[in-house]
Amino acid sequence: MEAEARARLGYDARMSESPGTKSKVRLKSSNELNAVAGRTAATGENASAELPCKPDRFGQFAAQTSAWLGSKWAFAGAILVIVVWAFTGPLFHFSDTWQLVINTGTTIVTFLMVFLIQNTQNRDARAINLKLNELIRAIDAARDQMIDIESLSDVELKTLQTKYEKIKADAPPDAEEN
């Protein structure tokens, strides 16, 4: 049953068996996943599992830019820009133009970064939700009504939260320790 769940999640069941090496699980390629999706669609299990083949250029750009701008080198570069700007203050007599340069620059960078970060966050949240949906679907004991709950209204989510808080409160103390 575990192998079946792994296959549905897109993992290759072949693991490295050689002594002294850690077991490795290889994520299937998009072609392999599309083939799996086609098989599951034929059985009626999950007809909408086909993955897109067209690359998302902005998404790739946003992910790479966010990764680079979140590095220590980008932070060091930003500090360097501020230090250079501060040292040029006396040269420009701390004029309004001197202040306007840093204000305009930081405003433009912040404005653009909002979109890059939001794109990355949206993609990450969508991927996490899809992974959780697949885990819920793959585990027989899980409640399928939990799939796609991110589309519920705040009132509906609050009702669900209250329901699960009550379940937790009613659980025996031994169950909470495990």
N, C-alpha and C. Protein backbone atom coordinates (compact mmCIF):
# COMPACT_ATOMS: atom_id res chain seq x y z
N MET A 1 0.82 -1.19 0.00
CA MET A 1 0.00 0.00 0.00
C MET A 1 0.87 1.26 0.00
N GLU A 2 2.02 1.22 0.72
CA GLU A 2 2.91 2.37 0.74
C GLU A 2 3.48 2.63 -0.65
N ALA A 3 3.83 1.57 -1.38
CA ALA A 3 4.37 1.73 -2.73
C ALA A 3 3.32 2.37 -3.64
N GLU A 4 2.06 1.96 -3.46
CA GLU A 4 0.99 2.54 -4.27
C GLU A 4 0.83 4.03 -3.96
N ALA A 5 0.90 4.39 -2.68
CA ALA A 5 0.79 5.80 -2.28
C ALA A 5 1.95 6.59 -2.84
N ARG A 6 3.17 6.03 -2.77
CA ARG A 6 4.33 6.72 -3.33
C ARG A 6 4.19 6.92 -4.84
N ALA A 7 3.68 5.89 -5.52
CA ALA A 7 3.50 6.00 -6.96
C ALA A 7 2.50 7.09 -7.30
N ARG A 8 1.41 7.16 -6.52
CA ARG A 8 0.41 8.20 -6.78
C ARG A 8 0.98 9.58 -6.48
N LEU A 9 1.93 9.68 -5.55
CA LEU A 9 2.53 10.96 -5.22
C LEU A 9 3.63 11.34 -6.20
N GLY A 10 3.99 10.45 -7.11
CA GLY A 10 4.98 10.79 -8.13
C GLY A 10 6.39 10.40 -7.78
N TYR A 11 6.59 9.45 -6.90
CA TYR A 11 7.93 9.02 -6.55
C TYR A 11 8.25 7.71 -7.22
N ASP A 12 9.49 7.56 -7.60
CA ASP A 12 9.96 6.33 -8.19
C ASP A 12 10.23 5.36 -7.05
N ALA A 13 9.65 4.17 -7.11
CA ALA A 13 9.78 3.21 -6.01
C ALA A 13 11.16 2.58 -5.96
N ARG A 14 11.95 2.71 -7.04
CA ARG A 14 13.29 2.12 -7.03
C ARG A 14 14.19 2.93 -6.11
N MET A 15 14.81 2.24 -5.16
CA MET A 15 15.68 2.90 -4.21
C MET A 15 17.07 2.30 -4.33
N SER A 16 18.06 3.05 -3.94
CA SER A 16 19.43 2.58 -3.95
C SER A 16 19.58 1.55 -2.84
N GLU A 17 20.04 0.35 -3.17
CA GLU A 17 20.14 -0.74 -2.22
C GLU A 17 21.58 -1.05 -1.83
N SER A 18 22.56 -0.35 -2.40
CA SER A 18 23.95 -0.70 -2.13
C SER A 18 24.34 -0.39 -0.70
N PRO A 19 25.19 -1.25 -0.10
CA PRO A 19 25.56 -1.04 1.30
C PRO A 19 26.34 0.25 1.48
N GLY A 20 26.12 0.91 2.60
CA GLY A 20 26.86 2.13 2.91
C GLY A 20 26.31 3.38 2.26
N THR A 21 25.25 3.26 1.45
CA THR A 21 24.67 4.45 0.83
C THR A 21 23.28 4.68 1.40
N LYS A 22 22.90 5.91 1.42
CA LYS A 22 21.56 6.24 1.90
C LYS A 22 20.57 5.92 0.79
N SER A 23 19.37 5.55 1.19
CA SER A 23 18.32 5.30 0.21
C SER A 23 17.93 6.61 -0.44
N LYS A 24 17.73 6.58 -1.73
CA LYS A 24 17.34 7.78 -2.45
C LYS A 24 16.01 7.54 -3.13
N VAL A 25 15.16 8.54 -3.05
CA VAL A 25 13.88 8.49 -3.75
C VAL A 25 13.93 9.54 -4.83
N ARG A 26 13.64 9.15 -6.06
CA ARG A 26 13.74 10.07 -7.18
C ARG A 26 12.35 10.54 -7.57
N LEU A 27 12.18 11.87 -7.67
CA LEU A 27 10.91 12.41 -8.11
C LEU A 27 10.77 12.15 -9.60
N LYS A 28 9.62 11.71 -10.01
CA LYS A 28 9.41 11.42 -11.42
C LYS A 28 9.44 12.68 -12.25
N SER A 29 9.86 12.55 -13.50
CA SER A 29 9.88 13.69 -14.41
C SER A 29 8.45 14.05 -14.80
N SER A 30 8.28 15.24 -15.40
CA SER A 30 6.93 15.66 -15.78
C SER A 30 6.34 14.72 -16.82
N ASN A 31 7.17 14.13 -17.71
CA ASN A 31 6.64 13.18 -18.69
C ASN A 31 6.13 11.92 -17.99
N GLU A 32 6.91 11.44 -16.98
CA GLU A 32 6.46 10.27 -16.24
C GLU A 32 5.19 10.58 -15.46
N LEU A 33 5.12 11.78 -14.86
CA LEU A 33 3.92 12.16 -14.11
C LEU A 33 2.72 12.30 -15.02
N ASN A 34 2.93 12.84 -16.22
CA ASN A 34 1.83 12.94 -17.18
C ASN A 34 1.34 11.56 -17.60
N ALA A 35 2.27 10.61 -17.73
CA ALA A 35 1.88 9.25 -18.07
C ALA A 35 1.06 8.65 -16.93
N VAL A 36 1.50 8.87 -15.69
CA VAL A 36 0.74 8.41 -14.52
C VAL A 36 -0.62 9.08 -14.51
N ALA A 37 -0.65 10.39 -14.80
CA ALA A 37 -1.92 11.12 -14.82
C ALA A 37 -2.85 10.54 -15.87
N GLY A 38 -2.30 10.16 -17.02
CA GLY A 38 -3.11 9.56 -18.07
C GLY A 38 -3.70 8.24 -17.63
N ARG A 39 -2.87 7.42 -16.92
CA ARG A 39 -3.37 6.14 -16.42
C ARG A 39 -4.46 6.34 -15.37
N THR A 40 -4.25 7.31 -14.47
CA THR A 40 -5.26 7.53 -13.44
C THR A 40 -6.52 8.14 -14.04
N ALA A 41 -6.35 8.94 -15.10
CA ALA A 41 -7.53 9.52 -15.74
C ALA A 41 -8.34 8.42 -16.42
N ALA A 42 -7.63 7.43 -16.98
CA ALA A 42 -8.33 6.33 -17.65
C ALA A 42 -9.13 5.51 -16.65
N THR A 43 -8.63 5.42 -15.42
CA THR A 43 -9.35 4.66 -14.39
C THR A 43 -10.37 5.52 -13.68
N GLY A 44 -10.38 6.82 -13.97
CA GLY A 44 -11.33 7.72 -13.34
C GLY A 44 -10.88 8.20 -11.97
N GLU A 45 -9.63 7.88 -11.61
CA GLU A 45 -9.16 8.23 -10.27
C GLU A 45 -8.90 9.71 -10.12
N ASN A 46 -8.20 10.31 -11.09
CA ASN A 46 -7.88 11.74 -10.98
C ASN A 46 -7.69 12.29 -12.39
N ALA A 47 -8.76 12.71 -13.00
CA ALA A 47 -8.73 13.12 -14.40
C ALA A 47 -8.03 14.45 -14.62
N SER A 48 -7.81 15.25 -13.58
CA SER A 48 -7.22 16.58 -13.77
C SER A 48 -5.77 16.65 -13.33
N ALA A 49 -5.05 15.54 -13.33
CA ALA A 49 -3.69 15.52 -12.79
C ALA A 49 -2.62 15.85 -13.82
N GLU A 50 -2.97 16.17 -15.06
CA GLU A 50 -1.95 16.44 -16.06
C GLU A 50 -1.21 17.73 -15.75
N LEU A 51 0.11 17.68 -15.88
CA LEU A 51 0.94 18.83 -15.57
C LEU A 51 1.16 19.69 -16.81
N PRO A 52 1.29 21.01 -16.63
CA PRO A 52 1.54 21.86 -17.78
C PRO A 52 2.95 21.65 -18.32
N CYS A 53 3.09 21.72 -19.63
CA CYS A 53 4.40 21.53 -20.25
C CYS A 53 5.04 22.87 -20.60
N LYS A 54 4.24 23.92 -20.74
CA LYS A 54 4.76 25.23 -21.12
C LYS A 54 5.43 25.89 -19.92
N PRO A 55 6.70 26.32 -20.07
CA PRO A 55 7.38 26.94 -18.93
C PRO A 55 6.82 28.32 -18.61
N ASP A 56 6.77 28.63 -17.33
CA ASP A 56 6.32 29.93 -16.86
C ASP A 56 7.55 30.81 -16.69
N ARG A 57 7.84 31.61 -17.69
CA ARG A 57 9.08 32.41 -17.67
C ARG A 57 9.10 33.42 -16.54
N PHE A 58 7.98 34.09 -16.28
CA PHE A 58 7.96 35.06 -15.19
C PHE A 58 8.12 34.34 -13.85
N GLY A 59 7.48 33.19 -13.70
CA GLY A 59 7.60 32.42 -12.47
C GLY A 59 9.04 31.99 -12.22
N GLN A 60 9.71 31.53 -13.28
CA GLN A 60 11.12 31.15 -13.15
C GLN A 60 11.98 32.36 -12.80
N PHE A 61 11.72 33.48 -13.47
CA PHE A 61 12.46 34.72 -13.19
C PHE A 61 12.23 35.16 -11.75
N ALA A 62 10.98 35.12 -11.30
CA ALA A 62 10.64 35.55 -9.94
C ALA A 62 11.32 34.65 -8.91
N ALA A 63 11.31 33.34 -9.15
CA ALA A 63 11.92 32.40 -8.20
C ALA A 63 13.43 32.61 -8.13
N GLN A 64 14.08 32.75 -9.29
CA GLN A 64 15.53 32.95 -9.30
C GLN A 64 15.91 34.29 -8.69
N THR A 65 15.16 35.33 -9.02
CA THR A 65 15.43 36.66 -8.48
C THR A 65 15.22 36.68 -6.97
N SER A 66 14.14 36.09 -6.51
CA SER A 66 13.87 36.04 -5.07
C SER A 66 14.96 35.27 -4.34
N ALA A 67 15.40 34.17 -4.93
CA ALA A 67 16.47 33.38 -4.31
C ALA A 67 17.75 34.20 -4.23
N TRP A 68 18.09 34.90 -5.31
CA TRP A 68 19.32 35.69 -5.30
C TRP A 68 19.20 36.88 -4.35
N LEU A 69 18.08 37.59 -4.40
CA LEU A 69 17.91 38.77 -3.55
C LEU A 69 17.75 38.41 -2.08
N GLY A 70 17.50 37.16 -1.78
CA GLY A 70 17.44 36.71 -0.40
C GLY A 70 18.78 36.21 0.11
N SER A 71 19.81 36.33 -0.70
CA SER A 71 21.13 35.82 -0.31
C SER A 71 21.91 36.86 0.50
N LYS A 72 22.97 36.38 1.13
CA LYS A 72 23.82 37.28 1.91
C LYS A 72 24.54 38.28 1.01
N TRP A 73 24.79 37.90 -0.23
CA TRP A 73 25.49 38.80 -1.16
C TRP A 73 24.60 39.97 -1.57
N ALA A 74 23.34 39.73 -1.76
CA ALA A 74 22.41 40.82 -2.08
C ALA A 74 22.29 41.77 -0.90
N PHE A 75 22.24 41.22 0.30
CA PHE A 75 22.18 42.05 1.51
C PHE A 75 23.45 42.88 1.63
N ALA A 76 24.60 42.26 1.39
CA ALA A 76 25.87 42.99 1.45
C ALA A 76 25.90 44.10 0.39
N GLY A 77 25.36 43.81 -0.80
CA GLY A 77 25.30 44.83 -1.85
C GLY A 77 24.42 46.00 -1.45
N ALA A 78 23.29 45.71 -0.81
CA ALA A 78 22.39 46.78 -0.36
C ALA A 78 23.08 47.64 0.70
N ILE A 79 23.78 47.01 1.62
CA ILE A 79 24.53 47.76 2.63
C ILE A 79 25.59 48.63 1.97
N LEU A 80 26.27 48.07 0.97
CA LEU A 80 27.30 48.84 0.25
C LEU A 80 26.69 50.07 -0.43
N VAL A 81 25.53 49.92 -1.06
CA VAL A 81 24.86 51.05 -1.71
C VAL A 81 24.55 52.12 -0.69
N ILE A 82 24.05 51.72 0.47
CA ILE A 82 23.70 52.70 1.51
C ILE A 82 24.95 53.40 2.04
N VAL A 83 26.03 52.65 2.24
CA VAL A 83 27.28 53.25 2.73
C VAL A 83 27.83 54.24 1.71
N VAL A 84 27.83 53.86 0.43
CA VAL A 84 28.31 54.78 -0.62
C VAL A 84 27.44 56.02 -0.66
N TRP A 85 26.13 55.83 -0.58
CA TRP A 85 25.21 56.97 -0.58
C TRP A 85 25.49 57.88 0.61
N ALA A 86 25.68 57.29 1.79
CA ALA A 86 25.94 58.10 2.99
C ALA A 86 27.26 58.87 2.88
N PHE A 87 28.29 58.23 2.32
CA PHE A 87 29.58 58.91 2.19
C PHE A 87 29.55 60.02 1.14
N THR A 88 28.61 59.94 0.20
CA THR A 88 28.51 61.02 -0.80
C THR A 88 27.70 62.20 -0.30
N GLY A 89 27.11 62.07 0.89
CA GLY A 89 26.32 63.16 1.47
C GLY A 89 27.08 64.47 1.56
N PRO A 90 28.27 64.47 2.18
CA PRO A 90 29.03 65.73 2.28
C PRO A 90 29.41 66.30 0.90
N LEU A 91 29.67 65.40 -0.04
CA LEU A 91 30.03 65.84 -1.39
C LEU A 91 28.89 66.64 -2.03
N PHE A 92 27.65 66.23 -1.77
CA PHE A 92 26.47 66.90 -2.33
C PHE A 92 25.80 67.83 -1.31
N HIS A 93 26.48 68.09 -0.21
CA HIS A 93 26.00 68.99 0.85
C HIS A 93 24.63 68.54 1.38
N PHE A 94 24.41 67.24 1.43
CA PHE A 94 23.17 66.65 1.95
C PHE A 94 21.93 67.34 1.34
N SER A 95 22.01 67.56 0.05
CA SER A 95 20.93 68.29 -0.64
C SER A 95 19.67 67.45 -0.78
N ASP A 96 18.61 68.13 -1.22
CA ASP A 96 17.35 67.43 -1.46
C ASP A 96 17.50 66.39 -2.58
N THR A 97 18.29 66.72 -3.59
CA THR A 97 18.51 65.78 -4.70
C THR A 97 19.21 64.53 -4.19
N TRP A 98 20.19 64.71 -3.31
CA TRP A 98 20.91 63.58 -2.73
C TRP A 98 19.94 62.67 -1.98
N GLN A 99 19.02 63.23 -1.21
CA GLN A 99 18.03 62.44 -0.49
C GLN A 99 17.02 61.81 -1.45
N LEU A 100 16.67 62.55 -2.50
CA LEU A 100 15.70 62.06 -3.47
C LEU A 100 16.23 60.82 -4.20
N VAL A 101 17.54 60.76 -4.43
CA VAL A 101 18.13 59.61 -5.13
C VAL A 101 17.86 58.32 -4.35
N ILE A 102 18.17 58.32 -3.06
CA ILE A 102 17.98 57.10 -2.27
C ILE A 102 16.50 56.81 -2.08
N ASN A 103 15.69 57.83 -1.88
CA ASN A 103 14.24 57.61 -1.71
C ASN A 103 13.61 57.03 -2.96
N THR A 104 13.96 57.57 -4.11
CA THR A 104 13.40 57.08 -5.38
C THR A 104 13.88 55.66 -5.65
N GLY A 105 15.16 55.43 -5.47
CA GLY A 105 15.73 54.09 -5.71
C GLY A 105 15.08 53.04 -4.84
N THR A 106 14.97 53.31 -3.54
CA THR A 106 14.38 52.31 -2.65
C THR A 106 12.89 52.12 -2.93
N THR A 107 12.20 53.17 -3.33
CA THR A 107 10.78 53.04 -3.65
C THR A 107 10.58 52.15 -4.87
N ILE A 108 11.37 52.35 -5.90
CA ILE A 108 11.25 51.55 -7.12
C ILE A 108 11.58 50.09 -6.83
N VAL A 109 12.68 49.85 -6.11
CA VAL A 109 13.07 48.47 -5.79
C VAL A 109 12.00 47.80 -4.95
N THR A 110 11.48 48.49 -3.95
CA THR A 110 10.44 47.93 -3.09
C THR A 110 9.18 47.61 -3.89
N PHE A 111 8.78 48.51 -4.77
CA PHE A 111 7.60 48.32 -5.59
C PHE A 111 7.74 47.05 -6.45
N LEU A 112 8.89 46.88 -7.09
CA LEU A 112 9.10 45.71 -7.95
C LEU A 112 9.21 44.43 -7.13
N MET A 113 9.86 44.50 -5.98
CA MET A 113 10.04 43.32 -5.15
C MET A 113 8.71 42.79 -4.60
N VAL A 114 7.76 43.68 -4.36
CA VAL A 114 6.45 43.23 -3.89
C VAL A 114 5.86 42.22 -4.86
N PHE A 115 5.94 42.48 -6.14
CA PHE A 115 5.38 41.58 -7.14
C PHE A 115 6.15 40.28 -7.24
N LEU A 116 7.48 40.37 -7.18
CA LEU A 116 8.29 39.15 -7.24
C LEU A 116 8.04 38.26 -6.02
N ILE A 117 8.02 38.86 -4.85
CA ILE A 117 7.79 38.08 -3.63
C ILE A 117 6.39 37.49 -3.62
N GLN A 118 5.40 38.27 -4.04
CA GLN A 118 4.02 37.77 -4.06
C GLN A 118 3.87 36.60 -5.02
N ASN A 119 4.52 36.68 -6.18
CA ASN A 119 4.47 35.58 -7.14
C ASN A 119 5.08 34.32 -6.53
N THR A 120 6.21 34.46 -5.89
CA THR A 120 6.88 33.32 -5.27
C THR A 120 6.02 32.74 -4.14
N GLN A 121 5.44 33.59 -3.31
CA GLN A 121 4.59 33.13 -2.21
C GLN A 121 3.34 32.43 -2.74
N ASN A 122 2.72 32.97 -3.78
CA ASN A 122 1.54 32.34 -4.37
C ASN A 122 1.86 30.95 -4.90
N ARG A 123 2.99 30.82 -5.60
CA ARG A 123 3.38 29.54 -6.16
C ARG A 123 3.69 28.54 -5.04
N ASP A 124 4.40 28.99 -4.01
CA ASP A 124 4.71 28.11 -2.89
C ASP A 124 3.44 27.65 -2.18
N ALA A 125 2.52 28.57 -1.93
CA ALA A 125 1.26 28.21 -1.26
C ALA A 125 0.45 27.24 -2.11
N ARG A 126 0.40 27.48 -3.41
CA ARG A 126 -0.34 26.59 -4.31
C ARG A 126 0.28 25.20 -4.31
N ALA A 127 1.61 25.13 -4.36
CA ALA A 127 2.30 23.84 -4.35
C ALA A 127 2.06 23.09 -3.04
N ILE A 128 2.12 23.79 -1.93
CA ILE A 128 1.87 23.15 -0.63
C ILE A 128 0.44 22.65 -0.55
N ASN A 129 -0.52 23.44 -1.01
CA ASN A 129 -1.92 23.01 -1.00
C ASN A 129 -2.12 21.78 -1.88
N LEU A 130 -1.48 21.76 -3.04
CA LEU A 130 -1.62 20.60 -3.93
C LEU A 130 -0.99 19.36 -3.30
N LYS A 131 0.14 19.52 -2.64
CA LYS A 131 0.77 18.38 -1.96
C LYS A 131 -0.12 17.86 -0.85
N LEU A 132 -0.68 18.77 -0.06
CA LEU A 132 -1.58 18.35 1.01
C LEU A 132 -2.83 17.68 0.46
N ASN A 133 -3.37 18.23 -0.63
CA ASN A 133 -4.55 17.62 -1.26
C ASN A 133 -4.24 16.19 -1.70
N GLU A 134 -3.05 15.99 -2.28
CA GLU A 134 -2.68 14.66 -2.74
C GLU A 134 -2.48 13.71 -1.56
N LEU A 135 -1.90 14.20 -0.48
CA LEU A 135 -1.74 13.35 0.71
C LEU A 135 -3.10 12.97 1.28
N ILE A 136 -4.00 13.92 1.34
CA ILE A 136 -5.35 13.62 1.84
C ILE A 136 -6.02 12.58 0.96
N ARG A 137 -5.85 12.75 -0.36
CA ARG A 137 -6.47 11.81 -1.30
C ARG A 137 -5.83 10.43 -1.20
N ALA A 138 -4.54 10.36 -0.96
CA ALA A 138 -3.82 9.09 -0.97
C ALA A 138 -4.02 8.29 0.32
N ILE A 139 -4.34 8.95 1.40
CA ILE A 139 -4.50 8.26 2.67
C ILE A 139 -5.98 7.93 2.86
N ASP A 140 -6.25 6.64 3.01
CA ASP A 140 -7.64 6.18 3.11
C ASP A 140 -8.37 6.75 4.31
N ALA A 141 -7.69 6.90 5.44
CA ALA A 141 -8.36 7.36 6.66
C ALA A 141 -8.61 8.86 6.68
N ALA A 142 -8.00 9.60 5.76
CA ALA A 142 -8.16 11.06 5.74
C ALA A 142 -9.54 11.43 5.21
N ARG A 143 -10.01 12.58 5.63
CA ARG A 143 -11.31 13.06 5.18
C ARG A 143 -11.16 13.83 3.88
N ASP A 144 -11.78 13.34 2.83
CA ASP A 144 -11.66 13.97 1.52
C ASP A 144 -12.27 15.37 1.47
N GLN A 145 -13.18 15.69 2.39
CA GLN A 145 -13.78 17.03 2.38
C GLN A 145 -12.76 18.10 2.74
N MET A 146 -11.58 17.71 3.23
CA MET A 146 -10.53 18.68 3.55
C MET A 146 -9.78 19.14 2.30
N ILE A 147 -9.96 18.46 1.19
CA ILE A 147 -9.31 18.85 -0.06
C ILE A 147 -9.88 20.18 -0.52
N ASP A 148 -9.01 21.09 -0.89
CA ASP A 148 -9.37 22.42 -1.42
C ASP A 148 -10.11 23.30 -0.41
N ILE A 149 -9.82 23.16 0.87
CA ILE A 149 -10.50 24.01 1.84
C ILE A 149 -10.00 25.45 1.78
N GLU A 150 -8.88 25.69 1.11
CA GLU A 150 -8.38 27.06 1.00
C GLU A 150 -9.34 27.96 0.23
N SER A 151 -10.29 27.37 -0.49
CA SER A 151 -11.26 28.17 -1.23
C SER A 151 -12.52 28.48 -0.40
N LEU A 152 -12.58 27.99 0.84
CA LEU A 152 -13.73 28.28 1.69
C LEU A 152 -13.69 29.72 2.19
N SER A 153 -14.85 30.22 2.59
CA SER A 153 -14.91 31.58 3.14
C SER A 153 -14.32 31.57 4.55
N ASP A 154 -14.06 32.76 5.08
CA ASP A 154 -13.52 32.87 6.43
C ASP A 154 -14.47 32.29 7.47
N VAL A 155 -15.77 32.49 7.27
CA VAL A 155 -16.77 31.96 8.19
C VAL A 155 -16.73 30.43 8.18
N GLU A 156 -16.65 29.84 6.98
CA GLU A 156 -16.59 28.38 6.87
C GLU A 156 -15.30 27.83 7.49
N LEU A 157 -14.19 28.52 7.29
CA LEU A 157 -12.92 28.09 7.88
C LEU A 157 -12.98 28.18 9.41
N LYS A 158 -13.59 29.23 9.92
CA LYS A 158 -13.73 29.39 11.37
C LYS A 158 -14.59 28.26 11.94
N THR A 159 -15.65 27.88 11.24
CA THR A 159 -16.50 26.77 11.68
C THR A 159 -15.70 25.47 11.72
N LEU A 160 -14.90 25.23 10.69
CA LEU A 160 -14.06 24.03 10.65
C LEU A 160 -13.03 24.06 11.78
N GLN A 161 -12.42 25.22 12.01
CA GLN A 161 -11.43 25.36 13.08
C GLN A 161 -12.08 25.05 14.43
N THR A 162 -13.26 25.57 14.66
CA THR A 162 -13.98 25.31 15.91
C THR A 162 -14.27 23.82 16.08
N LYS A 163 -14.65 23.16 14.98
CA LYS A 163 -14.93 21.73 15.00
C LYS A 163 -13.69 20.95 15.42
N TYR A 164 -12.52 21.29 14.84
CA TYR A 164 -11.30 20.56 15.16
C TYR A 164 -10.75 20.92 16.54
N GLU A 165 -11.01 22.12 17.01
CA GLU A 165 -10.62 22.46 18.38
C GLU A 165 -11.45 21.64 19.37
N LYS A 166 -12.73 21.42 19.05
CA LYS A 166 -13.58 20.60 19.91
C LYS A 166 -13.10 19.15 19.89
N ILE A 167 -12.73 18.63 18.72
CA ILE A 167 -12.20 17.26 18.63
C ILE A 167 -10.94 17.13 19.48
N LYS A 168 -10.06 18.12 19.41
CA LYS A 168 -8.82 18.10 20.18
C LYS A 168 -9.13 18.15 21.68
N ALA A 169 -10.08 18.99 22.08
CA ALA A 169 -10.43 19.11 23.50
C ALA A 169 -11.07 17.82 24.03
N ASP A 170 -11.82 17.12 23.17
CA ASP A 170 -12.49 15.89 23.59
C ASP A 170 -11.56 14.68 23.55
N ALA A 171 -10.39 14.82 22.95
CA ALA A 171 -9.47 13.68 22.83
C ALA A 171 -8.90 13.33 24.20
N PRO A 172 -8.67 12.06 24.44
CA PRO A 172 -8.07 11.66 25.73
C PRO A 172 -6.65 12.21 25.82
N PRO A 173 -6.17 12.48 27.05
CA PRO A 173 -4.83 13.06 27.22
C PRO A 173 -3.71 12.21 26.63
N ASP A 174 -3.86 10.89 26.62
CA ASP A 174 -2.83 10.02 26.06
C ASP A 174 -2.67 10.24 24.57
N ALA A 175 -3.76 10.54 23.84
CA ALA A 175 -3.71 10.74 22.40
C ALA A 175 -2.96 12.00 22.05
N GLU A 176 -2.99 13.01 22.92
CA GLU A 176 -2.30 14.26 22.63
C GLU A 176 -0.80 14.13 22.76
N GLU A 177 -0.30 13.19 23.62
CA GLU A 177 1.13 13.01 23.82
C GLU A 177 1.77 12.34 22.64
N ASN A 178 1.07 11.51 21.89
CA ASN A 178 1.65 10.78 20.76
C ASN A 178 1.79 11.63 19.61
